[in-house]
Amino acid sequence: MRRFAEFCSIVGLALVMSAGPAGAQGIVRVLMRTELGEIELEVDSARAPITAANFLRYVDAKQYDGGVFHRTVKPDNQPNNDVKIEVIQARGRRDEGRVRHPAIPLERTSVTGLRHIDGALSMARAGPDTARDEFVICIGDQPSLDFGGARNADGQGFAAFGRVVRGMEVVRAIQAAAAEAQQLRPAIQIIEARRM
């Protein structure tokens, strides 16, 4: 029954996406204000409709307001990884009033045609079909995150769904902020995220 409810939620998400406003048919702009400055995002709802709709429903519910960038991954803080990447990772707020939607299916880059290039947005995940609200921003090209890439042992890659169009200097400042191992200390606050 739970799997059926999750399936209905995903189907409903796809229907909302297809029936959404005109801008939802292609590129949707989101402005994310952080304590270090603004990051303007371009969400590709045409090529990654499920992933984009998932991200936008958290934006529309204001679930990134009060969220944080909590992780920085740099070449020098991945001692246990043979394949190195450079990303920063964010999540929505974690208070009692937060919305927690079911995990979404993995939209592989082999299907969407999107790639993990400099500034790419991508959903964080454990296994396939486990992404919820956490996402990363790539610093530099990260082909090992694409389908068939070697970063994750399952080879399925991650779901790229857009890119940064303004504010990469803020992204790099977040990556360079004080951290213990990969955890930003303190985390960088997200003030708000809104469709433009």
Protein backbone atom coordinates (compact mmCIF):
# COMPACT_ATOMS: atom_id res chain seq x y z
CA MET A 1 0.00 0.00 0.00
CA ARG A 2 2.86 2.38 0.85
CA ARG A 3 4.55 1.68 -2.51
CA PHE A 4 1.24 2.39 -4.27
CA ALA A 5 0.91 5.71 -2.41
CA GLU A 6 4.46 6.64 -3.40
CA PHE A 7 3.70 5.69 -7.01
CA CYS A 8 0.58 7.89 -6.98
CA SER A 9 2.61 10.76 -5.55
CA ILE A 10 5.16 10.44 -8.38
CA VAL A 11 2.44 10.22 -11.04
CA GLY A 12 0.75 13.24 -9.48
CA LEU A 13 4.07 15.08 -9.55
CA ALA A 14 4.45 14.39 -13.27
CA LEU A 15 0.86 15.53 -13.93
CA VAL A 16 1.39 18.75 -11.99
CA MET A 17 4.52 19.35 -14.03
CA SER A 18 2.74 18.84 -17.34
CA ALA A 19 -0.19 21.05 -16.30
CA GLY A 20 1.91 23.74 -14.64
CA PRO A 21 2.42 27.33 -15.76
CA ALA A 22 3.90 28.02 -19.19
CA GLY A 23 7.40 28.52 -17.73
CA ALA A 24 7.26 25.04 -16.22
CA GLN A 25 7.35 23.52 -19.73
CA GLY A 26 11.03 24.36 -20.15
CA ILE A 27 13.39 26.48 -18.10
CA VAL A 28 12.38 27.74 -14.68
CA ARG A 29 14.56 30.30 -12.88
CA VAL A 30 15.00 30.16 -9.11
CA LEU A 31 16.78 32.74 -6.98
CA MET A 32 18.42 31.28 -3.88
CA ARG A 33 19.59 33.80 -1.29
CA THR A 34 22.28 32.56 1.08
CA GLU A 35 24.15 34.30 3.86
CA LEU A 36 27.13 34.58 1.47
CA GLY A 37 25.14 35.99 -1.46
CA GLU A 38 22.70 35.10 -4.23
CA ILE A 39 22.77 32.08 -6.55
CA GLU A 40 20.51 32.15 -9.60
CA LEU A 41 19.50 28.69 -10.78
CA GLU A 42 18.10 27.48 -14.09
CA VAL A 43 15.96 24.36 -13.61
CA ASP A 44 15.43 22.26 -16.76
CA SER A 45 11.91 20.88 -16.48
CA ALA A 46 11.86 19.86 -20.15
CA ARG A 47 14.75 17.39 -20.04
CA ALA A 48 14.52 16.32 -16.37
CA PRO A 49 10.81 16.73 -15.61
CA ILE A 50 10.51 14.51 -12.54
CA THR A 51 13.67 15.80 -10.86
CA ALA A 52 12.88 19.43 -11.71
CA ALA A 53 9.30 19.09 -10.42
CA ASN A 54 10.59 17.54 -7.21
CA PHE A 55 13.03 20.40 -6.60
CA LEU A 56 10.42 23.03 -7.47
CA ARG A 57 7.81 21.59 -5.12
CA TYR A 58 10.28 22.03 -2.25
CA VAL A 59 10.98 25.59 -3.48
CA ASP A 60 7.25 26.39 -3.74
CA ALA A 61 6.61 24.98 -0.25
CA LYS A 62 9.44 27.24 1.04
CA GLN A 63 11.25 24.22 2.40
CA TYR A 64 14.69 25.58 1.46
CA ASP A 65 14.03 28.71 3.54
CA GLY A 66 16.08 28.03 6.65
CA GLY A 67 17.88 25.14 4.98
CA VAL A 68 21.66 24.96 4.72
CA PHE A 69 24.63 24.17 2.57
CA HIS A 70 26.17 21.59 4.89
CA ARG A 71 28.81 19.75 2.86
CA THR A 72 31.86 20.74 0.83
CA VAL A 73 33.73 18.17 -1.23
CA LYS A 74 37.21 19.19 -2.39
CA PRO A 75 40.19 17.27 -3.77
CA ASP A 76 41.91 17.31 -0.37
CA ASN A 77 39.04 16.02 1.82
CA GLN A 78 38.22 12.70 0.12
CA PRO A 79 40.93 10.37 1.45
CA ASN A 80 38.81 7.24 0.98
CA ASN A 81 37.69 7.97 -2.60
CA ASP A 82 39.73 6.92 -5.62
CA VAL A 83 37.54 9.13 -7.83
CA LYS A 84 37.59 12.73 -6.60
CA ILE A 85 34.81 15.26 -7.18
CA GLU A 86 34.16 18.89 -6.31
CA VAL A 87 30.65 19.81 -5.15
CA ILE A 88 28.77 21.60 -2.41
CA GLN A 89 25.66 19.99 -0.96
CA ALA A 90 22.49 21.58 0.43
CA ARG A 91 19.30 20.43 2.09
CA GLY A 92 15.97 21.89 3.11
CA ARG A 93 15.17 22.83 6.66
CA ARG A 94 14.85 20.09 9.25
CA ASP A 95 12.30 21.51 11.69
CA GLU A 96 9.07 19.80 12.72
CA GLY A 97 7.04 21.69 10.11
CA ARG A 98 9.06 20.51 7.13
CA VAL A 99 7.48 18.67 4.22
CA ARG A 100 8.96 15.29 3.34
CA HIS A 101 7.87 13.97 -0.04
CA PRO A 102 8.46 10.41 -1.21
CA ALA A 103 11.77 9.70 -2.94
CA ILE A 104 11.74 10.07 -6.72
CA PRO A 105 12.91 7.82 -9.56
CA LEU A 106 16.45 8.46 -10.78
CA GLU A 107 16.47 10.35 -14.11
CA ARG A 108 19.77 9.15 -15.53
CA THR A 109 21.94 11.47 -17.61
CA SER A 110 21.93 8.79 -20.33
CA VAL A 111 18.22 9.57 -20.76
CA THR A 112 18.06 13.33 -20.08
CA GLY A 113 21.20 14.30 -21.99
CA LEU A 114 22.17 16.66 -19.18
CA ARG A 115 25.74 16.48 -17.88
CA HIS A 116 27.55 17.29 -14.65
CA ILE A 117 29.42 20.31 -15.95
CA ASP A 118 30.65 23.34 -14.01
CA GLY A 119 27.67 24.80 -12.15
CA ALA A 120 25.38 21.80 -12.75
CA LEU A 121 22.58 21.12 -10.26
CA SER A 122 22.09 17.48 -9.31
CA MET A 123 20.10 15.57 -6.74
CA ALA A 124 22.06 13.87 -3.96
CA ARG A 125 21.17 10.24 -3.38
CA ALA A 126 22.21 7.03 -1.65
CA GLY A 127 20.93 4.28 -3.94
CA PRO A 128 18.93 4.76 -7.15
CA ASP A 129 15.42 6.15 -6.57
CA THR A 130 16.23 7.62 -3.13
CA ALA A 131 16.56 11.37 -3.87
CA ARG A 132 14.38 13.77 -1.87
CA ASP A 133 15.35 17.40 -1.13
CA GLU A 134 19.16 17.31 -0.97
CA PHE A 135 21.04 18.60 -4.00
CA VAL A 136 24.58 19.45 -5.06
CA ILE A 137 26.20 22.09 -7.23
CA CYS A 138 29.24 21.02 -9.25
CA ILE A 139 32.44 23.04 -9.19
CA GLY A 140 34.21 22.26 -12.46
CA ASP A 141 33.16 19.46 -14.80
CA GLN A 142 32.36 16.21 -12.94
CA PRO A 143 31.84 13.48 -15.57
CA SER A 144 32.24 10.76 -12.93
CA LEU A 145 28.76 11.77 -11.68
CA ASP A 146 27.15 11.02 -15.06
CA PHE A 147 25.60 7.65 -15.94
CA GLY A 148 28.42 5.10 -16.22
CA GLY A 149 30.71 7.31 -14.13
CA ALA A 150 32.99 5.76 -11.55
CA ARG A 151 32.14 7.92 -8.52
CA ASN A 152 29.31 5.62 -7.42
CA ALA A 153 29.85 1.87 -7.52
CA ASP A 154 26.41 1.20 -9.04
CA GLY A 155 27.37 3.17 -12.19
CA GLN A 156 23.92 4.76 -12.42
CA GLY A 157 25.17 8.29 -11.88
CA PHE A 158 23.16 11.15 -10.45
CA ALA A 159 20.22 13.19 -11.77
CA ALA A 160 21.42 16.50 -13.19
CA PHE A 161 18.47 18.88 -13.54
CA GLY A 162 19.79 22.39 -14.20
CA ARG A 163 22.66 24.80 -13.68
CA VAL A 164 23.83 27.95 -11.96
CA VAL A 165 23.51 30.95 -14.28
CA ARG A 166 24.71 33.58 -11.80
CA GLY A 167 26.56 33.38 -8.51
CA MET A 168 29.34 30.82 -9.06
CA GLU A 169 31.55 33.11 -6.95
CA VAL A 170 29.13 32.43 -4.07
CA VAL A 171 29.28 28.68 -4.79
CA ARG A 172 33.09 28.80 -4.64
CA ALA A 173 32.97 30.83 -1.41
CA ILE A 174 30.74 28.17 0.14
CA GLN A 175 33.12 25.44 -1.02
CA ALA A 176 36.05 27.30 0.57
CA ALA A 177 34.28 28.00 3.89
CA ALA A 178 35.51 26.51 7.18
CA ALA A 179 34.90 22.78 7.42
CA GLU A 180 35.73 19.69 9.44
CA ALA A 181 36.39 16.94 6.91
CA GLN A 182 33.47 17.46 4.49
CA GLN A 183 31.07 19.11 6.96
CA LEU A 184 30.82 22.90 6.79
CA ARG A 185 31.31 24.34 10.29
CA PRO A 186 29.15 26.30 10.63
CA ALA A 187 26.77 25.36 7.84
CA ILE A 188 25.96 28.16 5.39
CA GLN A 189 22.37 29.32 5.80
CA ILE A 190 19.87 29.49 2.95
CA ILE A 191 17.68 32.52 3.61
CA GLU A 192 15.11 31.78 0.92
CA ALA A 193 14.57 30.24 -2.51
CA ARG A 194 11.89 31.56 -4.87
CA ARG A 195 10.86 31.17 -8.49
CA MET A 196 11.75 34.27 -10.47
